[in-house]
Amino acid sequence: MSRKFTPQSSLDRLRKEAKRWLKSLRANDPDARHRLRHANPKAPDVPGLRDVQHALALEHGFDGWNSLLAALPTEPATSIHHYQEMAEALLDAFRTGTPAAMERHWKLTWHRRSWQGMRAYVQLDLGRQTDSANLEDDISLDDVQFLVAREHGFENWLSLIEYVKA
């Protein structure tokens, strides 16, 4: 039986649930392991956050995290300025890694990764390799706008902007 959305269902709550579940898995909680195997028998023995998010989506009757996000009740639109600020903060944090840049980025997102971890995930989310040959690769404003849009359930930056304007 699939779980249903409640009035309290939100992207933030689902993300936090996935992170708590992953933490329990890493602490070798047998209930968390059983839940994972029940939701997704094909889950890896050492799952990552994406594996847990996928299992959470399966529990809700969706084939993946993005499908679950697309079905969530929409949250009130935020201003274009807010999304642009998120993109600029991510770009600055990616490029500099300064404490101030990281704090600004963390303030605007749920991610709390180290600079190196954040850089690796950004590269992976952009479909790039993270081997030593391209660790110093830069990203563009278009890249981070795409990531911010995807983070909020949109296909691309233009789709996000059109939604906010509507």
N, C-alpha and C. Protein backbone atom coordinates (compact mmCIF):
# COMPACT_ATOMS: atom_id res chain seq x y z
N MET A 1 0.85 -1.18 0.00
CA MET A 1 0.00 0.00 0.00
C MET A 1 0.90 1.25 0.00
N SER A 2 0.61 2.17 -0.88
CA SER A 2 1.40 3.39 -1.00
C SER A 2 1.05 4.38 0.11
N ARG A 3 2.09 5.10 0.52
CA ARG A 3 1.86 6.22 1.45
C ARG A 3 1.21 7.35 0.66
N LYS A 4 0.45 8.15 1.35
CA LYS A 4 -0.23 9.28 0.72
C LYS A 4 0.36 10.59 1.24
N PHE A 5 0.26 11.62 0.41
CA PHE A 5 0.65 12.94 0.86
C PHE A 5 -0.35 13.42 1.90
N THR A 6 0.14 14.19 2.84
CA THR A 6 -0.71 14.82 3.85
C THR A 6 -0.61 16.33 3.66
N PRO A 7 -1.44 17.10 4.36
CA PRO A 7 -1.30 18.55 4.24
C PRO A 7 0.09 19.04 4.69
N GLN A 8 0.79 18.25 5.50
CA GLN A 8 2.11 18.64 5.95
C GLN A 8 3.21 18.19 4.98
N SER A 9 2.86 17.42 3.96
CA SER A 9 3.86 16.96 3.00
C SER A 9 4.48 18.16 2.29
N SER A 10 5.77 18.19 2.30
CA SER A 10 6.48 19.26 1.60
C SER A 10 7.83 18.72 1.18
N LEU A 11 8.44 19.41 0.25
CA LEU A 11 9.77 19.03 -0.21
C LEU A 11 10.74 19.00 0.96
N ASP A 12 10.68 20.02 1.80
CA ASP A 12 11.58 20.10 2.94
C ASP A 12 11.40 18.91 3.89
N ARG A 13 10.16 18.57 4.19
CA ARG A 13 9.91 17.44 5.11
C ARG A 13 10.37 16.12 4.51
N LEU A 14 10.13 15.92 3.22
CA LEU A 14 10.57 14.68 2.58
C LEU A 14 12.09 14.58 2.54
N ARG A 15 12.75 15.68 2.27
CA ARG A 15 14.22 15.67 2.29
C ARG A 15 14.74 15.32 3.68
N LYS A 16 14.15 15.93 4.69
CA LYS A 16 14.59 15.66 6.06
C LYS A 16 14.31 14.21 6.44
N GLU A 17 13.18 13.68 6.01
CA GLU A 17 12.87 12.28 6.29
C GLU A 17 13.91 11.37 5.64
N ALA A 18 14.27 11.66 4.40
CA ALA A 18 15.27 10.85 3.71
C ALA A 18 16.62 10.92 4.43
N LYS A 19 16.99 12.10 4.89
CA LYS A 19 18.27 12.24 5.60
C LYS A 19 18.26 11.50 6.94
N ARG A 20 17.12 11.56 7.65
CA ARG A 20 17.02 10.81 8.92
C ARG A 20 17.10 9.30 8.66
N TRP A 21 16.44 8.86 7.61
CA TRP A 21 16.44 7.44 7.25
C TRP A 21 17.86 7.00 6.90
N LEU A 22 18.57 7.80 6.13
CA LEU A 22 19.95 7.47 5.78
C LEU A 22 20.83 7.42 7.03
N LYS A 23 20.63 8.35 7.93
CA LYS A 23 21.40 8.35 9.18
C LYS A 23 21.14 7.06 9.96
N SER A 24 19.90 6.63 10.00
CA SER A 24 19.57 5.37 10.69
C SER A 24 20.21 4.18 9.99
N LEU A 25 20.23 4.20 8.67
CA LEU A 25 20.88 3.12 7.93
C LEU A 25 22.37 3.07 8.23
N ARG A 26 22.99 4.22 8.29
CA ARG A 26 24.43 4.28 8.57
C ARG A 26 24.75 3.87 10.00
N ALA A 27 23.74 3.97 10.90
CA ALA A 27 23.90 3.53 12.28
C ALA A 27 23.50 2.05 12.43
N ASN A 28 23.28 1.38 11.29
CA ASN A 28 22.91 -0.04 11.26
C ASN A 28 21.62 -0.35 12.01
N ASP A 29 20.66 0.54 11.91
CA ASP A 29 19.34 0.32 12.50
C ASP A 29 18.62 -0.76 11.69
N PRO A 30 18.26 -1.89 12.32
CA PRO A 30 17.62 -2.98 11.56
C PRO A 30 16.25 -2.59 10.99
N ASP A 31 15.50 -1.73 11.69
CA ASP A 31 14.20 -1.29 11.17
C ASP A 31 14.39 -0.45 9.90
N ALA A 32 15.38 0.40 9.90
CA ALA A 32 15.66 1.23 8.72
C ALA A 32 16.08 0.34 7.55
N ARG A 33 16.90 -0.66 7.83
CA ARG A 33 17.35 -1.60 6.77
C ARG A 33 16.16 -2.38 6.22
N HIS A 34 15.28 -2.86 7.12
CA HIS A 34 14.10 -3.61 6.68
C HIS A 34 13.20 -2.73 5.82
N ARG A 35 13.01 -1.49 6.25
CA ARG A 35 12.18 -0.55 5.49
C ARG A 35 12.75 -0.34 4.09
N LEU A 36 14.08 -0.20 3.99
CA LEU A 36 14.73 0.00 2.70
C LEU A 36 14.52 -1.22 1.81
N ARG A 37 14.75 -2.40 2.35
CA ARG A 37 14.60 -3.64 1.57
C ARG A 37 13.15 -3.84 1.14
N HIS A 38 12.21 -3.44 2.01
CA HIS A 38 10.80 -3.57 1.68
C HIS A 38 10.42 -2.59 0.56
N ALA A 39 10.92 -1.38 0.64
CA ALA A 39 10.60 -0.35 -0.36
C ALA A 39 11.29 -0.63 -1.68
N ASN A 40 12.56 -1.05 -1.60
CA ASN A 40 13.34 -1.28 -2.83
C ASN A 40 14.30 -2.45 -2.63
N PRO A 41 13.86 -3.65 -2.97
CA PRO A 41 14.73 -4.82 -2.81
C PRO A 41 16.05 -4.73 -3.57
N LYS A 42 16.10 -3.86 -4.58
CA LYS A 42 17.32 -3.72 -5.39
C LYS A 42 18.27 -2.66 -4.84
N ALA A 43 17.96 -2.07 -3.69
CA ALA A 43 18.81 -1.02 -3.13
C ALA A 43 20.19 -1.59 -2.82
N PRO A 44 21.24 -0.79 -2.98
CA PRO A 44 22.59 -1.28 -2.68
C PRO A 44 22.77 -1.54 -1.18
N ASP A 45 23.73 -2.37 -0.86
CA ASP A 45 24.01 -2.68 0.55
C ASP A 45 24.46 -1.46 1.33
N VAL A 46 25.16 -0.56 0.65
CA VAL A 46 25.61 0.68 1.29
C VAL A 46 24.95 1.83 0.51
N PRO A 47 23.72 2.18 0.88
CA PRO A 47 23.00 3.19 0.11
C PRO A 47 23.47 4.61 0.40
N GLY A 48 23.28 5.45 -0.58
CA GLY A 48 23.53 6.87 -0.42
C GLY A 48 22.19 7.60 -0.33
N LEU A 49 22.25 8.91 -0.24
CA LEU A 49 21.04 9.70 -0.11
C LEU A 49 20.10 9.49 -1.30
N ARG A 50 20.66 9.42 -2.48
CA ARG A 50 19.82 9.23 -3.67
C ARG A 50 19.08 7.90 -3.62
N ASP A 51 19.72 6.86 -3.10
CA ASP A 51 19.07 5.56 -2.97
C ASP A 51 17.90 5.64 -1.99
N VAL A 52 18.10 6.35 -0.90
CA VAL A 52 17.04 6.50 0.11
C VAL A 52 15.90 7.35 -0.46
N GLN A 53 16.24 8.41 -1.18
CA GLN A 53 15.20 9.23 -1.79
C GLN A 53 14.38 8.40 -2.79
N HIS A 54 15.07 7.55 -3.54
CA HIS A 54 14.37 6.68 -4.49
C HIS A 54 13.42 5.75 -3.75
N ALA A 55 13.88 5.16 -2.66
CA ALA A 55 13.04 4.26 -1.87
C ALA A 55 11.84 5.02 -1.29
N LEU A 56 12.07 6.23 -0.84
CA LEU A 56 10.99 7.05 -0.30
C LEU A 56 9.94 7.32 -1.39
N ALA A 57 10.39 7.60 -2.59
CA ALA A 57 9.47 7.80 -3.72
C ALA A 57 8.68 6.52 -3.99
N LEU A 58 9.37 5.38 -3.97
CA LEU A 58 8.68 4.11 -4.19
C LEU A 58 7.62 3.87 -3.12
N GLU A 59 7.93 4.23 -1.87
CA GLU A 59 6.94 4.09 -0.80
C GLU A 59 5.68 4.90 -1.07
N HIS A 60 5.83 6.02 -1.75
CA HIS A 60 4.70 6.88 -2.07
C HIS A 60 4.02 6.49 -3.39
N GLY A 61 4.52 5.42 -4.03
CA GLY A 61 3.90 4.95 -5.26
C GLY A 61 4.43 5.59 -6.53
N PHE A 62 5.60 6.22 -6.45
CA PHE A 62 6.20 6.86 -7.62
C PHE A 62 7.43 6.07 -8.06
N ASP A 63 7.78 6.20 -9.34
CA ASP A 63 8.91 5.44 -9.86
C ASP A 63 10.26 6.06 -9.56
N GLY A 64 10.27 7.27 -9.03
CA GLY A 64 11.53 7.93 -8.68
C GLY A 64 11.30 9.23 -7.96
N TRP A 65 12.40 9.79 -7.46
CA TRP A 65 12.36 11.03 -6.66
C TRP A 65 11.77 12.19 -7.46
N ASN A 66 12.18 12.33 -8.74
CA ASN A 66 11.67 13.45 -9.54
C ASN A 66 10.17 13.33 -9.76
N SER A 67 9.67 12.11 -9.94
CA SER A 67 8.23 11.91 -10.10
C SER A 67 7.50 12.30 -8.83
N LEU A 68 8.07 11.94 -7.69
CA LEU A 68 7.47 12.31 -6.41
C LEU A 68 7.44 13.83 -6.26
N LEU A 69 8.55 14.47 -6.60
CA LEU A 69 8.62 15.94 -6.48
C LEU A 69 7.58 16.61 -7.38
N ALA A 70 7.40 16.07 -8.57
CA ALA A 70 6.45 16.67 -9.51
C ALA A 70 5.01 16.55 -9.00
N ALA A 71 4.74 15.54 -8.19
CA ALA A 71 3.38 15.32 -7.69
C ALA A 71 3.10 16.03 -6.38
N LEU A 72 4.14 16.58 -5.76
CA LEU A 72 3.92 17.28 -4.49
C LEU A 72 3.01 18.47 -4.67
N PRO A 73 2.18 18.74 -3.67
CA PRO A 73 1.40 19.98 -3.75
C PRO A 73 2.37 21.15 -3.89
N THR A 74 2.04 22.06 -4.78
CA THR A 74 2.97 23.16 -5.03
C THR A 74 3.03 24.11 -3.85
N GLU A 75 4.24 24.56 -3.60
CA GLU A 75 4.46 25.54 -2.55
C GLU A 75 4.25 26.93 -3.14
N PRO A 76 3.97 27.90 -2.33
CA PRO A 76 3.79 29.25 -2.87
C PRO A 76 5.03 29.69 -3.64
N ALA A 77 4.79 30.36 -4.75
CA ALA A 77 5.90 30.82 -5.57
C ALA A 77 6.74 31.84 -4.81
N THR A 78 8.02 31.78 -5.05
CA THR A 78 8.96 32.72 -4.48
C THR A 78 9.37 33.67 -5.60
N SER A 79 9.91 34.80 -5.23
CA SER A 79 10.29 35.76 -6.25
C SER A 79 11.47 35.25 -7.08
N ILE A 80 11.53 35.75 -8.29
CA ILE A 80 12.65 35.42 -9.17
C ILE A 80 13.96 35.82 -8.50
N HIS A 81 13.93 36.94 -7.80
CA HIS A 81 15.12 37.41 -7.10
C HIS A 81 15.64 36.35 -6.11
N HIS A 82 14.73 35.69 -5.42
CA HIS A 82 15.14 34.66 -4.45
C HIS A 82 15.88 33.51 -5.15
N TYR A 83 15.33 33.03 -6.27
CA TYR A 83 15.98 31.94 -7.00
C TYR A 83 17.32 32.39 -7.58
N GLN A 84 17.37 33.62 -8.07
CA GLN A 84 18.62 34.15 -8.60
C GLN A 84 19.67 34.24 -7.50
N GLU A 85 19.24 34.66 -6.31
CA GLU A 85 20.15 34.73 -5.17
C GLU A 85 20.71 33.34 -4.83
N MET A 86 19.84 32.34 -4.89
CA MET A 86 20.29 30.97 -4.63
C MET A 86 21.36 30.55 -5.65
N ALA A 87 21.10 30.86 -6.92
CA ALA A 87 22.05 30.49 -7.97
C ALA A 87 23.39 31.21 -7.77
N GLU A 88 23.34 32.49 -7.49
CA GLU A 88 24.57 33.26 -7.30
C GLU A 88 25.34 32.78 -6.07
N ALA A 89 24.62 32.42 -5.02
CA ALA A 89 25.28 31.92 -3.81
C ALA A 89 25.97 30.58 -4.07
N LEU A 90 25.30 29.71 -4.82
CA LEU A 90 25.91 28.43 -5.17
C LEU A 90 27.15 28.63 -6.02
N LEU A 91 27.07 29.52 -6.99
CA LEU A 91 28.22 29.79 -7.85
C LEU A 91 29.39 30.33 -7.06
N ASP A 92 29.15 31.27 -6.16
CA ASP A 92 30.21 31.85 -5.34
C ASP A 92 30.81 30.78 -4.41
N ALA A 93 29.95 29.98 -3.80
CA ALA A 93 30.45 28.93 -2.90
C ALA A 93 31.26 27.91 -3.68
N PHE A 94 30.79 27.52 -4.86
CA PHE A 94 31.51 26.55 -5.68
C PHE A 94 32.89 27.09 -6.06
N ARG A 95 32.93 28.33 -6.47
CA ARG A 95 34.19 28.90 -6.96
C ARG A 95 35.17 29.24 -5.86
N THR A 96 34.69 29.74 -4.73
CA THR A 96 35.63 30.24 -3.71
C THR A 96 35.76 29.36 -2.48
N GLY A 97 34.65 28.78 -2.03
CA GLY A 97 34.69 27.96 -0.82
C GLY A 97 34.97 28.75 0.45
N THR A 98 34.90 30.07 0.39
CA THR A 98 35.17 30.86 1.60
C THR A 98 34.07 30.59 2.63
N PRO A 99 34.39 30.75 3.91
CA PRO A 99 33.36 30.54 4.93
C PRO A 99 32.12 31.40 4.70
N ALA A 100 32.32 32.65 4.30
CA ALA A 100 31.17 33.53 4.06
C ALA A 100 30.32 33.03 2.89
N ALA A 101 30.98 32.60 1.82
CA ALA A 101 30.25 32.09 0.65
C ALA A 101 29.51 30.80 0.99
N MET A 102 30.15 29.92 1.75
CA MET A 102 29.49 28.67 2.14
C MET A 102 28.30 28.94 3.05
N GLU A 103 28.44 29.85 4.00
CA GLU A 103 27.33 30.18 4.89
C GLU A 103 26.15 30.76 4.11
N ARG A 104 26.44 31.63 3.17
CA ARG A 104 25.37 32.21 2.35
C ARG A 104 24.66 31.11 1.57
N HIS A 105 25.42 30.20 0.99
CA HIS A 105 24.83 29.07 0.25
C HIS A 105 23.99 28.21 1.18
N TRP A 106 24.54 27.85 2.34
CA TRP A 106 23.83 26.98 3.30
C TRP A 106 22.53 27.64 3.78
N LYS A 107 22.56 28.96 3.93
CA LYS A 107 21.38 29.68 4.41
C LYS A 107 20.22 29.56 3.41
N LEU A 108 20.55 29.42 2.15
CA LEU A 108 19.53 29.40 1.09
C LEU A 108 19.14 28.01 0.62
N THR A 109 19.74 26.98 1.17
CA THR A 109 19.47 25.62 0.72
C THR A 109 19.51 24.67 1.90
N TRP A 110 19.06 23.46 1.68
CA TRP A 110 19.08 22.45 2.74
C TRP A 110 20.43 21.72 2.80
N HIS A 111 21.26 21.89 1.81
CA HIS A 111 22.56 21.20 1.77
C HIS A 111 23.51 21.76 2.82
N ARG A 112 24.22 20.88 3.54
CA ARG A 112 25.25 21.30 4.49
C ARG A 112 26.50 20.47 4.23
N ARG A 113 27.00 20.54 3.03
CA ARG A 113 28.19 19.77 2.67
C ARG A 113 29.45 20.62 2.79
N SER A 114 30.56 19.94 2.95
CA SER A 114 31.84 20.64 2.90
C SER A 114 32.03 21.18 1.48
N TRP A 115 33.00 22.06 1.32
CA TRP A 115 33.25 22.65 0.02
C TRP A 115 33.59 21.57 -1.00
N GLN A 116 34.48 20.66 -0.65
CA GLN A 116 34.88 19.60 -1.58
C GLN A 116 33.69 18.71 -1.93
N GLY A 117 32.89 18.36 -0.92
CA GLY A 117 31.72 17.53 -1.17
C GLY A 117 30.71 18.23 -2.05
N MET A 118 30.48 19.50 -1.79
CA MET A 118 29.54 20.27 -2.59
C MET A 118 30.02 20.35 -4.04
N ARG A 119 31.31 20.60 -4.23
CA ARG A 119 31.85 20.68 -5.60
C ARG A 119 31.66 19.36 -6.33
N ALA A 120 31.91 18.25 -5.64
CA ALA A 120 31.76 16.93 -6.27
C ALA A 120 30.30 16.69 -6.66
N TYR A 121 29.37 16.99 -5.74
CA TYR A 121 27.95 16.76 -6.05
C TYR A 121 27.47 17.67 -7.18
N VAL A 122 27.93 18.90 -7.22
CA VAL A 122 27.54 19.81 -8.30
C VAL A 122 28.00 19.23 -9.63
N GLN A 123 29.26 18.79 -9.69
CA GLN A 123 29.78 18.22 -10.94
C GLN A 123 28.96 16.99 -11.35
N LEU A 124 28.66 16.11 -10.38
CA LEU A 124 27.86 14.92 -10.68
C LEU A 124 26.46 15.29 -11.15
N ASP A 125 25.85 16.27 -10.48
CA ASP A 125 24.50 16.69 -10.87
C ASP A 125 24.48 17.31 -12.26
N LEU A 126 25.60 17.83 -12.70
CA LEU A 126 25.71 18.37 -14.06
C LEU A 126 26.12 17.30 -15.06
N GLY A 127 26.27 16.05 -14.60
CA GLY A 127 26.63 14.95 -15.48
C GLY A 127 28.09 14.89 -15.84
N ARG A 128 28.92 15.47 -15.00
CA ARG A 128 30.37 15.49 -15.26
C ARG A 128 31.09 14.50 -14.36
N GLN A 129 32.23 14.05 -14.80
CA GLN A 129 33.06 13.17 -14.00
C GLN A 129 33.72 13.98 -12.89
N THR A 130 34.04 13.32 -11.79
CA THR A 130 34.70 14.02 -10.68
C THR A 130 36.08 13.46 -10.43
N ASP A 131 36.73 12.98 -11.49
CA ASP A 131 38.08 12.45 -11.30
C ASP A 131 39.08 13.59 -11.20
N SER A 132 40.31 13.25 -10.90
CA SER A 132 41.33 14.26 -10.66
C SER A 132 41.59 15.15 -11.88
N ALA A 133 41.27 14.68 -13.06
CA ALA A 133 41.54 15.46 -14.27
C ALA A 133 40.67 16.72 -14.35
N ASN A 134 39.50 16.70 -13.74
CA ASN A 134 38.64 17.87 -13.87
C ASN A 134 38.15 18.42 -12.54
N LEU A 135 38.91 18.17 -11.48
CA LEU A 135 38.53 18.70 -10.17
C LEU A 135 38.50 20.22 -10.15
N GLU A 136 39.29 20.84 -10.99
CA GLU A 136 39.36 22.29 -11.01
C GLU A 136 38.44 22.92 -12.05
N ASP A 137 37.61 22.11 -12.73
CA ASP A 137 36.69 22.65 -13.73
C ASP A 137 35.77 23.68 -13.09
N ASP A 138 35.50 24.72 -13.85
CA ASP A 138 34.61 25.77 -13.38
C ASP A 138 33.19 25.48 -13.88
N ILE A 139 32.22 26.16 -13.31
CA ILE A 139 30.85 26.07 -13.77
C ILE A 139 30.37 27.49 -14.07
N SER A 140 29.26 27.58 -14.77
CA SER A 140 28.76 28.89 -15.18
C SER A 140 27.47 29.23 -14.42
N LEU A 141 27.03 30.47 -14.59
CA LEU A 141 25.77 30.90 -14.02
C LEU A 141 24.63 30.06 -14.61
N ASP A 142 24.70 29.75 -15.90
CA ASP A 142 23.68 28.89 -16.52
C ASP A 142 23.64 27.52 -15.84
N ASP A 143 24.80 26.98 -15.50
CA ASP A 143 24.86 25.67 -14.82
C ASP A 143 24.15 25.72 -13.47
N VAL A 144 24.44 26.74 -12.67
CA VAL A 144 23.83 26.79 -11.34
C VAL A 144 22.34 27.14 -11.42
N GLN A 145 21.96 27.93 -12.41
CA GLN A 145 20.53 28.21 -12.58
C GLN A 145 19.79 26.91 -12.92
N PHE A 146 20.38 26.10 -13.76
CA PHE A 146 19.79 24.80 -14.09
C PHE A 146 19.65 23.95 -12.83
N LEU A 147 20.68 23.91 -12.00
CA LEU A 147 20.63 23.11 -10.77
C LEU A 147 19.58 23.62 -9.79
N VAL A 148 19.47 24.93 -9.66
CA VAL A 148 18.45 25.51 -8.77
C VAL A 148 17.06 25.15 -9.29
N ALA A 149 16.87 25.26 -10.58
CA ALA A 149 15.57 24.92 -11.16
C ALA A 149 15.24 23.45 -10.92
N ARG A 150 16.19 22.56 -11.17
CA ARG A 150 15.96 21.12 -10.96
C ARG A 150 15.69 20.82 -9.49
N GLU A 151 16.39 21.52 -8.61
CA GLU A 151 16.22 21.34 -7.16
C GLU A 151 14.78 21.64 -6.74
N HIS A 152 14.14 22.52 -7.46
CA HIS A 152 12.78 22.92 -7.12
C HIS A 152 11.72 22.28 -8.02
N GLY A 153 12.13 21.23 -8.74
CA GLY A 153 11.18 20.43 -9.50
C GLY A 153 10.88 20.93 -10.90
N PHE A 154 11.73 21.81 -11.43
CA PHE A 154 11.51 22.32 -12.78
C PHE A 154 12.53 21.70 -13.73
N GLU A 155 12.14 21.61 -14.98
CA GLU A 155 13.02 21.01 -15.99
C GLU A 155 14.25 21.89 -16.26
N ASN A 156 14.05 23.20 -16.21
CA ASN A 156 15.14 24.12 -16.50
C ASN A 156 14.81 25.50 -15.91
N TRP A 157 15.75 26.42 -16.04
CA TRP A 157 15.61 27.76 -15.46
C TRP A 157 14.42 28.50 -16.08
N LEU A 158 14.25 28.38 -17.39
CA LEU A 158 13.15 29.08 -18.06
C LEU A 158 11.80 28.61 -17.51
N SER A 159 11.65 27.30 -17.28
CA SER A 159 10.41 26.78 -16.73
C SER A 159 10.15 27.36 -15.35
N LEU A 160 11.18 27.46 -14.54
CA LEU A 160 11.04 28.04 -13.20
C LEU A 160 10.59 29.51 -13.30
N ILE A 161 11.24 30.26 -14.17
CA ILE A 161 10.92 31.68 -14.32
C ILE A 161 9.47 31.85 -14.81
N GLU A 162 9.06 31.04 -15.77
CA GLU A 162 7.69 31.12 -16.28
C GLU A 162 6.68 30.81 -15.17
N TYR A 163 7.00 29.82 -14.34
CA TYR A 163 6.12 29.47 -13.23
C TYR A 163 5.99 30.63 -12.24
N VAL A 164 7.12 31.22 -11.89
CA VAL A 164 7.10 32.32 -10.92
C VAL A 164 6.33 33.52 -11.48
N LYS A 165 6.53 33.82 -12.75
CA LYS A 165 5.83 34.95 -13.37
C LYS A 165 4.33 34.71 -13.42
N ALA A 166 3.93 33.44 -13.60
CA ALA A 166 2.49 33.11 -13.67
C ALA A 166 1.90 33.24 -12.28
